[in-house]
Amino acid sequence: MSLEQLKAFLTKAKGNTSLQEKLKAAKSPEDVVGIAKEHGHEFTADKINQLSEEELEGVAGGGGEETGPHSL
């Protein structure tokens, strides 16, 4: 239930497009916690709020500045 578990899960998700799709479909932080449990990571929904938006977008396919929706 630690922030380290959440970060480890997000690192795993960065290299797994199937997992990224599941995360994109998640409707709530609780859904994300459930998906993480399926993959062997345990943390609480409040830990998600402790991460920056950039960290979360990087995993969910938000891309960086070069590939984001506002790039030219």
C-alpha atoms as a PDB file:
ATOM      1  CA  MET A   1       0.000   0.000   0.000  1.00  0.00           C
ATOM      2  CA  SER A   2       2.878   2.271  -0.640  1.00  0.00           C
ATOM      3  CA  LEU A   3       3.815   4.929  -3.105  1.00  0.00           C
ATOM      4  CA  GLU A   4       6.720   2.701  -4.152  1.00  0.00           C
ATOM      5  CA  GLN A   5       4.243  -0.033  -5.161  1.00  0.00           C
ATOM      6  CA  LEU A   6       2.311   2.473  -7.247  1.00  0.00           C
ATOM      7  CA  LYS A   7       5.459   3.690  -8.981  1.00  0.00           C
ATOM      8  CA  ALA A   8       6.535   0.099  -9.668  1.00  0.00           C
ATOM      9  CA  PHE A   9       3.132  -0.610 -11.190  1.00  0.00           C
ATOM     10  CA  LEU A  10       3.321   2.495 -13.380  1.00  0.00           C
ATOM     11  CA  THR A  11       6.782   1.472 -14.568  1.00  0.00           C
ATOM     12  CA  LYS A  12       5.380  -1.928 -15.505  1.00  0.00           C
ATOM     13  CA  ALA A  13       2.472  -0.293 -17.329  1.00  0.00           C
ATOM     14  CA  LYS A  14       4.769   1.910 -19.430  1.00  0.00           C
ATOM     15  CA  GLY A  15       5.987  -1.157 -21.294  1.00  0.00           C
ATOM     16  CA  ASN A  16       2.634  -2.939 -21.544  1.00  0.00           C
ATOM     17  CA  THR A  17       0.117  -1.572 -24.046  1.00  0.00           C
ATOM     18  CA  SER A  18      -2.606  -3.992 -22.935  1.00  0.00           C
ATOM     19  CA  LEU A  19      -2.255  -2.731 -19.385  1.00  0.00           C
ATOM     20  CA  GLN A  20      -2.295   0.874 -20.628  1.00  0.00           C
ATOM     21  CA  GLU A  21      -5.622   0.214 -22.361  1.00  0.00           C
ATOM     22  CA  LYS A  22      -7.087  -1.137 -19.119  1.00  0.00           C
ATOM     23  CA  LEU A  23      -5.896   1.951 -17.282  1.00  0.00           C
ATOM     24  CA  LYS A  24      -7.406   4.263 -19.904  1.00  0.00           C
ATOM     25  CA  ALA A  25     -10.754   2.512 -19.417  1.00  0.00           C
ATOM     26  CA  ALA A  26     -10.618   2.875 -15.626  1.00  0.00           C
ATOM     27  CA  LYS A  27     -13.366   5.158 -14.370  1.00  0.00           C
ATOM     28  CA  SER A  28     -11.965   5.842 -10.900  1.00  0.00           C
ATOM     29  CA  PRO A  29      -8.819   5.541  -8.784  1.00  0.00           C
ATOM     30  CA  GLU A  30     -10.425   2.470  -7.211  1.00  0.00           C
ATOM     31  CA  ASP A  31     -10.555   0.853 -10.661  1.00  0.00           C
ATOM     32  CA  VAL A  32      -6.833   1.499 -11.059  1.00  0.00           C
ATOM     33  CA  VAL A  33      -6.184  -0.095  -7.656  1.00  0.00           C
ATOM     34  CA  GLY A  34      -8.116  -3.184  -8.784  1.00  0.00           C
ATOM     35  CA  ILE A  35      -6.140  -3.435 -12.024  1.00  0.00           C
ATOM     36  CA  ALA A  36      -2.889  -3.082 -10.090  1.00  0.00           C
ATOM     37  CA  LYS A  37      -3.905  -5.893  -7.713  1.00  0.00           C
ATOM     38  CA  GLU A  38      -4.448  -8.159 -10.708  1.00  0.00           C
ATOM     39  CA  HIS A  39      -0.805  -7.507 -11.594  1.00  0.00           C
ATOM     40  CA  GLY A  40       0.614  -8.055  -8.108  1.00  0.00           C
ATOM     41  CA  HIS A  41       0.824  -4.461  -6.869  1.00  0.00           C
ATOM     42  CA  GLU A  42      -1.005  -3.171  -3.817  1.00  0.00           C
ATOM     43  CA  PHE A  43      -1.600   0.455  -2.906  1.00  0.00           C
ATOM     44  CA  THR A  44      -4.554   2.607  -1.948  1.00  0.00           C
ATOM     45  CA  ALA A  45      -6.423   5.013  -4.204  1.00  0.00           C
ATOM     46  CA  ASP A  46      -5.140   7.998  -2.230  1.00  0.00           C
ATOM     47  CA  LYS A  47      -1.596   7.203  -3.397  1.00  0.00           C
ATOM     48  CA  ILE A  48      -2.643   7.987  -6.971  1.00  0.00           C
ATOM     49  CA  ASN A  49      -3.381  11.564  -5.940  1.00  0.00           C
ATOM     50  CA  GLN A  50       0.177  11.908  -4.635  1.00  0.00           C
ATOM     51  CA  LEU A  51       1.674  11.502  -8.096  1.00  0.00           C
ATOM     52  CA  SER A  52       2.007  14.351 -10.506  1.00  0.00           C
ATOM     53  CA  GLU A  53      -0.236  14.545 -13.541  1.00  0.00           C
ATOM     54  CA  GLU A  54       2.837  14.151 -15.748  1.00  0.00           C
ATOM     55  CA  GLU A  55       3.737  10.833 -14.116  1.00  0.00           C
ATOM     56  CA  LEU A  56       0.231   9.504 -14.646  1.00  0.00           C
ATOM     57  CA  GLU A  57      -0.102  10.747 -18.230  1.00  0.00           C
ATOM     58  CA  GLY A  58       3.212   9.181 -19.168  1.00  0.00           C
ATOM     59  CA  VAL A  59       1.783   5.778 -18.340  1.00  0.00           C
ATOM     60  CA  ALA A  60      -1.722   6.238 -19.661  1.00  0.00           C
ATOM     61  CA  GLY A  61      -0.428   7.179 -23.093  1.00  0.00           C
ATOM     62  CA  GLY A  62      -0.573  10.914 -22.601  1.00  0.00           C
ATOM     63  CA  GLY A  63       2.808  11.141 -24.241  1.00  0.00           C
ATOM     64  CA  GLY A  64       5.403  13.802 -23.795  1.00  0.00           C
ATOM     65  CA  GLU A  65       5.626  17.267 -25.256  1.00  0.00           C
ATOM     66  CA  GLU A  66       6.800  15.907 -28.595  1.00  0.00           C
ATOM     67  CA  THR A  67       3.913  13.451 -29.029  1.00  0.00           C
ATOM     68  CA  GLY A  68       1.168  15.137 -27.041  1.00  0.00           C
ATOM     69  CA  PRO A  69      -2.069  16.389 -28.548  1.00  0.00           C
ATOM     70  CA  HIS A  70      -0.853  19.991 -28.535  1.00  0.00           C
ATOM     71  CA  SER A  71       2.386  19.399 -30.407  1.00  0.00           C
ATOM     72  CA  LEU A  72       2.871  21.085 -33.754  1.00  0.00           C
END
